[in-house]
Protein backbone atom coordinates (compact mmCIF):
# COMPACT_ATOMS: atom_id res chain seq x y z
CA MET A 1 176.58 258.87 273.05
CA GLY A 2 175.63 256.69 269.98
CA GLU A 3 176.41 259.59 267.22
CA PHE A 4 179.57 260.17 269.04
CA LEU A 5 180.84 256.36 268.34
CA THR A 6 179.78 256.29 264.87
CA THR A 7 181.63 259.69 264.30
CA LEU A 8 184.56 258.12 265.97
CA PHE A 9 184.16 254.68 264.30
CA SER A 10 182.46 254.60 261.24
CA THR A 11 184.66 254.78 258.02
CA ASP A 12 183.18 258.61 257.43
CA GLY A 13 184.54 259.35 261.36
CA VAL A 14 187.56 260.65 262.72
CA LEU A 15 189.00 257.27 263.63
CA LEU A 16 188.84 255.29 260.90
CA GLY A 17 188.42 257.64 258.17
CA THR A 18 190.89 259.86 258.66
CA LEU A 19 194.02 258.54 261.65
CA VAL A 20 194.10 255.10 260.15
CA PRO A 21 194.63 256.07 256.85
CA PHE A 22 196.75 258.97 258.20
CA ILE A 23 199.17 256.91 260.37
CA PHE A 24 199.34 253.95 257.69
CA VAL A 25 200.57 256.20 255.47
CA LEU A 26 203.15 257.80 257.20
CA THR A 27 204.21 254.37 258.95
CA VAL A 28 205.03 253.26 255.22
CA VAL A 29 206.99 256.14 254.26
CA VAL A 30 208.98 256.60 257.58
CA PHE A 31 209.79 252.44 258.02
CA VAL A 32 210.85 252.59 254.19
CA HIS A 33 213.22 255.60 255.10
CA GLU A 34 214.77 254.28 257.97
CA MET A 35 215.04 250.33 256.54
CA GLY A 36 217.20 252.68 253.94
CA HIS A 37 219.31 253.82 256.93
CA TYR A 38 219.45 250.19 258.45
CA LEU A 39 219.63 247.94 255.92
CA VAL A 40 223.14 250.35 254.03
CA GLY A 41 224.39 250.90 257.67
CA ARG A 42 224.49 246.91 258.66
CA TRP A 43 225.77 245.90 254.97
CA CYS A 44 228.54 248.84 256.21
CA GLY A 45 229.22 247.07 259.26
CA ILE A 46 227.77 249.59 261.24
CA GLY A 47 226.24 249.07 264.80
CA VAL A 48 222.62 249.37 265.14
CA LYS A 49 221.29 250.07 269.01
CA ALA A 50 217.75 250.76 267.83
CA PHE A 51 215.05 250.79 265.15
CA SER A 52 212.08 253.38 266.14
CA ILE A 53 209.04 253.70 264.02
CA GLY A 54 207.64 257.15 266.04
CA PHE A 55 209.70 259.19 268.87
CA GLY A 56 208.88 259.21 272.66
CA PRO A 57 208.17 256.54 274.84
CA GLU A 58 207.97 252.75 273.83
CA ILE A 59 204.71 251.28 273.20
CA ILE A 60 206.01 247.66 272.24
CA GLY A 61 209.56 246.73 271.02
CA PHE A 62 211.67 243.51 270.90
CA ASN A 63 215.62 242.73 271.04
CA ASP A 64 217.07 240.94 268.04
CA ARG A 65 219.88 238.57 268.28
CA ARG A 66 222.38 241.34 267.12
CA GLY A 67 220.91 243.27 270.01
CA THR A 68 219.00 246.00 268.27
CA ARG A 69 215.69 247.30 270.02
CA TRP A 70 212.97 247.58 267.56
CA LYS A 71 210.26 249.53 268.80
CA LEU A 72 206.93 251.15 268.04
CA SER A 73 206.92 254.46 269.97
CA ALA A 74 203.96 256.84 271.12
CA ILE A 75 204.44 259.50 268.76
CA PRO A 76 204.02 258.54 265.26
CA LEU A 77 205.48 261.29 263.59
CA GLY A 78 208.96 260.03 261.85
CA GLY A 79 211.36 257.28 263.34
CA TYR A 80 215.09 257.01 263.56
CA VAL A 81 217.80 254.65 263.41
CA LYS A 82 219.94 254.90 266.67
CA PHE A 83 223.82 253.66 265.64
CA VAL A 84 226.48 252.47 267.87
CA GLY A 85 228.31 255.45 269.56
CA ASP A 86 225.47 258.06 268.69
CA MET A 87 224.52 261.04 271.03
CA ASN A 88 220.84 261.16 269.87
CA ALA A 89 218.10 260.09 267.54
CA THR A 90 219.51 262.27 265.03
CA SER A 91 223.04 260.54 264.97
CA THR A 92 225.23 263.42 266.51
CA PRO A 93 228.37 262.70 267.50
CA ASP A 94 229.15 262.23 271.15
CA GLY A 95 233.27 262.20 272.07
CA GLU A 96 232.42 261.23 275.68
CA GLU A 97 230.14 258.40 274.48
CA LEU A 98 232.63 257.05 271.83
CA GLU A 99 235.38 256.83 275.06
CA LYS A 100 233.17 254.76 276.95
CA LEU A 101 233.16 252.04 274.40
CA THR A 102 234.72 248.93 274.33
CA GLU A 103 237.20 248.10 271.20
CA SER A 104 234.86 245.78 269.65
CA GLU A 105 232.00 248.45 270.12
CA ARG A 106 234.33 251.38 268.73
CA ARG A 107 235.05 249.01 265.19
CA VAL A 108 231.22 248.92 264.68
CA ALA A 109 230.59 252.70 265.61
CA PHE A 110 229.12 254.96 263.12
CA HIS A 111 231.34 257.93 263.94
CA THR A 112 234.81 255.92 263.66
CA GLN A 113 233.60 254.98 260.04
CA PRO A 114 235.38 255.69 256.86
CA VAL A 115 233.34 259.24 255.53
CA TRP A 116 232.04 256.81 252.63
CA LYS A 117 230.37 254.69 254.76
CA ARG A 118 228.85 257.19 256.86
CA ALA A 119 227.69 259.21 253.71
CA LEU A 120 226.29 256.31 251.93
CA THR A 121 224.58 255.04 255.14
CA VAL A 122 222.62 258.54 255.38
CA PHE A 123 222.38 258.99 251.73
CA ALA A 124 219.93 255.43 251.97
CA GLY A 125 217.22 256.51 253.93
CA PRO A 126 216.25 259.06 250.83
CA MET A 127 216.93 256.99 248.25
CA PHE A 128 214.72 254.26 249.70
CA ASN A 129 212.21 256.96 249.81
CA PHE A 130 212.46 257.14 245.81
CA LEU A 131 212.89 253.83 245.41
CA LEU A 132 209.60 253.11 246.74
CA THR A 133 208.35 255.68 244.85
CA ILE A 134 209.45 254.46 241.27
CA ALA A 135 208.59 251.09 242.53
CA VAL A 136 204.62 252.25 243.53
CA PHE A 137 204.38 254.39 239.96
CA ALA A 138 205.68 251.41 238.25
CA VAL A 139 203.15 248.77 239.34
CA MET A 140 200.17 251.25 238.52
CA PHE A 141 201.42 252.26 235.15
CA TYR A 142 202.13 248.68 234.42
CA ALA A 143 198.66 247.81 236.04
CA TYR A 144 196.68 250.36 234.43
CA GLY A 145 198.61 252.27 231.89
CA ARG A 146 198.21 256.39 231.56
CA THR A 147 195.69 258.26 229.85
CA VAL A 148 197.13 260.72 227.38
CA SER A 149 196.30 263.23 224.86
CA GLU A 150 197.84 265.22 222.65
CA PRO A 151 199.15 268.36 223.22
CA MET A 152 196.87 270.62 221.24
CA VAL A 153 194.55 273.86 221.43
CA ALA A 154 191.46 273.28 221.13
CA SER A 155 189.86 276.55 222.27
CA ILE A 156 191.00 279.40 223.90
CA GLN A 157 189.47 281.44 227.08
CA PRO A 158 188.60 284.81 226.37
CA GLY A 159 191.03 286.62 228.15
CA SER A 160 193.39 284.51 228.70
CA ALA A 161 196.92 284.91 228.71
CA ALA A 162 196.91 282.39 225.65
CA GLU A 163 194.99 284.78 223.69
CA GLU A 164 196.88 288.01 224.37
CA ALA A 165 199.93 285.93 223.56
CA GLY A 166 198.44 284.79 219.70
CA PHE A 167 197.63 281.14 220.44
CA MET A 168 195.37 279.94 217.97
CA PRO A 169 193.12 276.72 217.50
CA GLY A 170 194.91 274.05 215.90
CA ASP A 171 198.09 274.71 217.49
CA ARG A 172 200.40 271.77 218.78
CA PHE A 173 202.86 272.11 221.71
CA VAL A 174 206.49 271.28 221.20
CA SER A 175 207.92 272.45 224.14
CA VAL A 176 207.41 274.75 226.83
CA ASP A 177 210.05 277.40 228.25
CA GLY A 178 212.44 274.87 226.55
CA THR A 179 211.29 271.61 227.64
CA SER A 180 209.87 268.80 225.01
CA VAL A 181 206.46 268.04 225.12
CA THR A 182 204.48 264.54 223.83
CA THR A 183 201.14 265.14 225.46
CA PHE A 184 198.80 267.74 226.96
CA SER A 185 199.50 266.59 230.89
CA ASP A 186 203.20 267.28 229.80
CA VAL A 187 202.02 270.98 228.69
CA ARG A 188 199.56 271.74 232.32
CA ARG A 189 202.31 270.32 234.14
CA LEU A 190 204.90 272.75 233.62
CA VAL A 191 202.78 275.18 233.34
CA SER A 192 200.95 274.92 236.48
CA GLY A 193 203.80 275.92 238.87
CA ARG A 194 205.14 278.55 237.11
CA ALA A 195 202.07 281.48 237.83
CA GLY A 196 203.96 284.83 237.16
CA ASP A 197 206.66 283.67 235.15
CA PRO A 198 206.85 284.66 231.37
CA LEU A 199 207.26 281.03 229.24
CA VAL A 200 208.57 280.61 225.91
CA PHE A 201 206.27 278.22 223.74
CA VAL A 202 207.30 276.94 220.72
CA MET A 203 204.26 276.03 218.36
CA HIS A 204 203.68 274.05 215.53
CA ARG A 205 201.01 275.54 213.36
CA GLY A 206 200.20 274.48 209.76
CA ASP A 207 203.79 273.86 208.61
CA LYS A 208 206.07 275.95 210.52
CA GLU A 209 206.87 276.23 214.04
CA VAL A 210 206.51 280.03 215.59
CA SER A 211 207.64 280.95 219.37
CA LEU A 212 204.97 282.72 221.74
CA VAL A 213 205.44 284.39 225.13
CA ALA A 214 202.63 283.55 227.25
CA THR A 215 202.79 284.42 231.59
CA PRO A 216 200.36 281.73 233.63
CA ARG A 217 198.02 283.48 235.81
CA VAL A 218 196.88 281.54 239.04
CA VAL A 219 193.78 280.09 239.35
CA GLU A 220 192.17 278.26 242.36
CA GLN A 221 190.68 274.66 241.11
CA GLU A 222 189.64 271.08 242.84
CA ASP A 223 192.48 268.87 242.89
CA ALA A 224 191.36 264.91 242.47
CA LEU A 225 190.62 265.13 246.52
CA GLY A 226 188.47 267.74 245.65
CA ASN A 227 190.82 270.10 247.88
CA LYS A 228 190.93 273.79 246.63
CA VAL A 229 194.57 274.38 245.09
CA ASN A 230 195.94 277.47 243.48
CA VAL A 231 197.73 276.86 239.93
CA GLY A 232 199.37 278.65 236.94
CA VAL A 233 197.15 278.11 233.59
CA ILE A 234 197.48 280.15 230.25
CA GLY A 235 193.88 279.51 229.31
CA VAL A 236 193.92 276.84 226.40
CA VAL A 237 191.42 273.87 226.28
CA ASN A 238 192.34 270.51 224.87
CA ASP A 239 189.18 268.35 223.87
CA GLU A 240 188.75 264.42 222.62
CA LYS A 241 188.43 265.46 219.07
CA LEU A 242 192.19 267.32 218.43
CA GLY A 243 193.84 265.54 222.14
CA GLN A 244 192.45 262.15 220.96
CA PRO A 245 192.78 260.72 224.28
CA ARG A 246 193.86 257.13 225.03
CA VAL A 247 195.46 254.84 227.05
CA GLU A 248 199.56 253.94 226.87
CA ARG A 249 200.10 250.68 227.92
CA TYR A 250 203.52 249.59 229.25
CA GLY A 251 206.04 246.32 229.39
CA ALA A 252 207.76 246.02 233.08
CA VAL A 253 210.86 247.44 231.53
CA GLY A 254 208.87 250.25 230.38
CA SER A 255 206.44 250.77 233.05
CA VAL A 256 209.95 251.24 235.12
CA VAL A 257 211.35 254.11 233.00
CA GLU A 258 208.39 255.80 233.34
CA ALA A 259 208.42 255.86 236.94
CA VAL A 260 212.02 256.69 237.09
CA ARG A 261 210.85 259.83 234.61
CA GLU A 262 207.98 260.25 236.79
CA THR A 263 209.67 260.87 239.79
CA GLY A 264 212.24 262.68 238.56
CA THR A 265 209.78 265.27 237.40
CA ILE A 266 208.13 265.43 240.68
CA ILE A 267 211.31 266.10 242.28
CA GLY A 268 211.91 268.64 240.18
CA GLN A 269 208.60 270.85 240.75
CA THR A 270 209.43 270.29 244.70
CA GLY A 271 212.43 271.98 244.30
CA GLN A 272 210.68 274.52 242.08
CA PHE A 273 208.33 274.94 244.39
CA LEU A 274 210.69 275.18 247.53
CA LYS A 275 212.51 277.88 245.63
CA ARG A 276 209.21 280.00 244.50
CA PHE A 277 208.20 279.57 247.74
CA VAL A 278 211.54 280.90 249.71
CA ILE A 279 211.47 284.00 247.60
CA GLY A 280 207.73 284.69 248.19
CA ARG A 281 206.16 283.43 245.10
CA GLU A 282 203.86 280.93 246.28
CA ASP A 283 200.95 280.77 248.15
CA ARG A 284 201.88 279.83 251.63
CA CYS A 285 198.84 277.57 252.36
CA GLN A 286 200.42 275.30 249.85
CA LEU A 287 202.18 274.03 252.81
CA GLY A 288 200.76 271.87 255.11
CA GLY A 289 201.63 269.67 258.19
CA PRO A 290 200.48 266.78 259.93
CA VAL A 291 196.68 267.70 260.06
CA LYS A 292 196.32 268.35 256.40
CA ILE A 293 198.22 265.10 255.45
CA ALA A 294 195.85 263.41 257.41
CA LYS A 295 192.85 265.18 255.82
CA ILE A 296 194.56 264.10 252.54
CA SER A 297 194.55 260.64 253.53
CA GLY A 298 191.57 260.29 254.64
CA GLN A 299 190.32 261.75 251.34
CA ALA A 300 192.53 259.34 249.56
CA ALA A 301 191.33 256.11 251.44
CA LYS A 302 187.59 257.16 250.62
CA LEU A 303 188.27 256.94 246.55
CA GLY A 304 190.27 253.42 247.27
CA PHE A 305 193.24 251.85 248.08
CA GLU A 306 195.03 252.61 245.11
CA TRP A 307 194.44 256.15 245.90
CA LEU A 308 196.21 255.87 248.91
CA VAL A 309 198.90 253.82 247.63
CA GLN A 310 199.76 256.87 245.58
CA LEU A 311 199.65 259.17 248.29
CA VAL A 312 201.88 256.96 249.85
CA ALA A 313 204.32 257.27 246.63
CA LEU A 314 204.14 261.07 246.55
CA LEU A 315 204.53 261.57 250.21
CA SER A 316 207.67 259.16 250.20
CA VAL A 317 209.17 261.32 247.31
CA GLY A 318 208.66 264.82 249.08
CA ILE A 319 209.92 263.39 252.38
CA GLY A 320 213.07 262.20 250.41
CA PHE A 321 213.76 265.63 249.22
CA LEU A 322 213.48 267.46 252.15
CA ASN A 323 215.63 265.12 253.93
CA LEU A 324 218.12 266.19 251.35
CA LEU A 325 217.82 269.69 252.13
CA PRO A 326 221.47 270.72 253.31
CA ILE A 327 220.23 271.64 256.76
CA PRO A 328 220.92 269.69 260.20
CA PRO A 329 219.78 267.93 261.31
CA LEU A 330 218.42 266.63 258.23
CA ASP A 331 220.13 264.04 256.55
CA GLY A 332 221.38 266.66 253.98
CA GLY A 333 223.10 268.35 256.43
CA HIS A 334 225.14 265.07 257.67
CA LEU A 335 225.98 265.11 253.89
CA VAL A 336 227.08 268.17 253.87
CA PHE A 337 229.55 267.89 256.85
CA TYR A 338 230.56 264.51 255.18
CA GLY A 339 231.72 266.51 252.34
CA ILE A 340 233.65 268.90 253.82
CA GLU A 341 235.62 265.73 255.92
CA ALA A 342 236.53 264.55 252.36
CA ILE A 343 237.80 267.97 251.04
CA TRP A 344 239.66 268.68 254.61
CA ARG A 345 240.73 265.22 255.29
CA LYS A 346 239.70 265.86 258.71
CA PRO A 347 236.09 265.80 260.68
CA VAL A 348 234.46 268.87 261.46
CA SER A 349 235.08 270.03 265.12
CA GLU A 350 232.80 269.18 267.46
CA ARG A 351 232.10 272.92 268.93
CA ALA A 352 231.48 273.71 265.15
CA MET A 353 229.36 271.09 264.37
CA GLU A 354 227.17 271.59 267.60
CA ALA A 355 226.33 275.21 266.87
CA VAL A 356 225.48 274.31 263.09
CA TYR A 357 223.15 271.31 264.48
CA ARG A 358 221.51 273.96 266.91
CA ALA A 359 220.41 276.57 264.64
CA GLY A 360 219.44 273.88 262.08
CA PHE A 361 217.36 272.21 265.00
CA PHE A 362 216.16 275.88 265.74
CA LEU A 363 215.17 276.32 261.70
CA VAL A 364 213.51 272.67 261.63
CA LEU A 365 211.55 273.37 264.48
CA MET A 366 210.42 277.07 262.85
CA PHE A 367 209.36 275.15 259.84
CA MET A 368 207.51 272.61 261.61
CA GLY A 369 205.51 275.71 263.80
CA PHE A 370 204.74 277.43 260.08
CA VAL A 371 203.40 274.10 258.75
CA PHE A 372 201.05 273.24 261.99
CA TRP A 373 200.13 277.36 262.17
CA ASN A 374 199.06 277.01 258.34
CA ASP A 375 197.34 273.32 259.50
CA ILE A 376 194.95 274.87 262.56
CA PHE A 377 194.85 278.86 262.22
CA GLY A 378 196.44 279.63 259.06
CA CYS A 379 194.59 278.56 255.86
């Protein structure tokens, strides 16, 4: 019994070592996302019936002076803001529900608002996720700076793609597939997600520039948390002599600029990964669900609070990106309908909307089942 309690409640145990960090990370990301919907919705004059962290039965809650029910629910795998006139937590319109509303309620109901207000309210959730990521990165860059190295080739691994392409020690990277680089980390980032893709490298060699074509190969490596990940490499090595590693410091404005750039880079990498995944060019085990997030949360917590905060930033930008995919009932699906409404000057019919929502909901359930399978059985 004593060993069981130690396993459960120690900082290396399931409760404090994994579940608490996982709930912290997920709650922060979900709260910020839903707060984006709530704040912009209120700013647009839309009434809010409920703000929930989690799904399912309510654990604890209260009503504010506007009549909004703020609550914590039993299943901590998401959350929602339910506006006046919504049929459910996904903001699906309900004609019968709207007919039952009083005149004062109709004035603040979500689906009676101009399309731009609805679109702005929906977009605010992912946008707040991106802003959270930018804020975290800005603080980290301002407090700690960033370690960078010159984009130099110190040596080349035998038999590697770089050797076959004709890379030479002393070469300096100028660009990778059309994107300029200033640090060795830039090169690594542009190469790591492009395994199997021929890439054009412009290198400064002596007093001239040369173009080389190399195809990154998949290599299994350990990430900063000790997890096995598959990344693309060409087989060049940087060292202290040529790389001259240093810590770059940023002021307040510079930190924000760098944070915006870093967030944009992550969004681009996420989109690239999903595109390659759909066409079967990425390892399915790279995708994980709640179990994998919980594991990574526990690993990050053991390394320190700043690692946990960085995980919050990475998960936040991922959640924001995924929610913008044009699939109902995700935010991006809503935005597609609002775009059609803005062009046609009339809402999409409820019958068509319901059919698309059902199909989209089925796709979302399939995706959730897929990542759960990966978490528990597949990988």
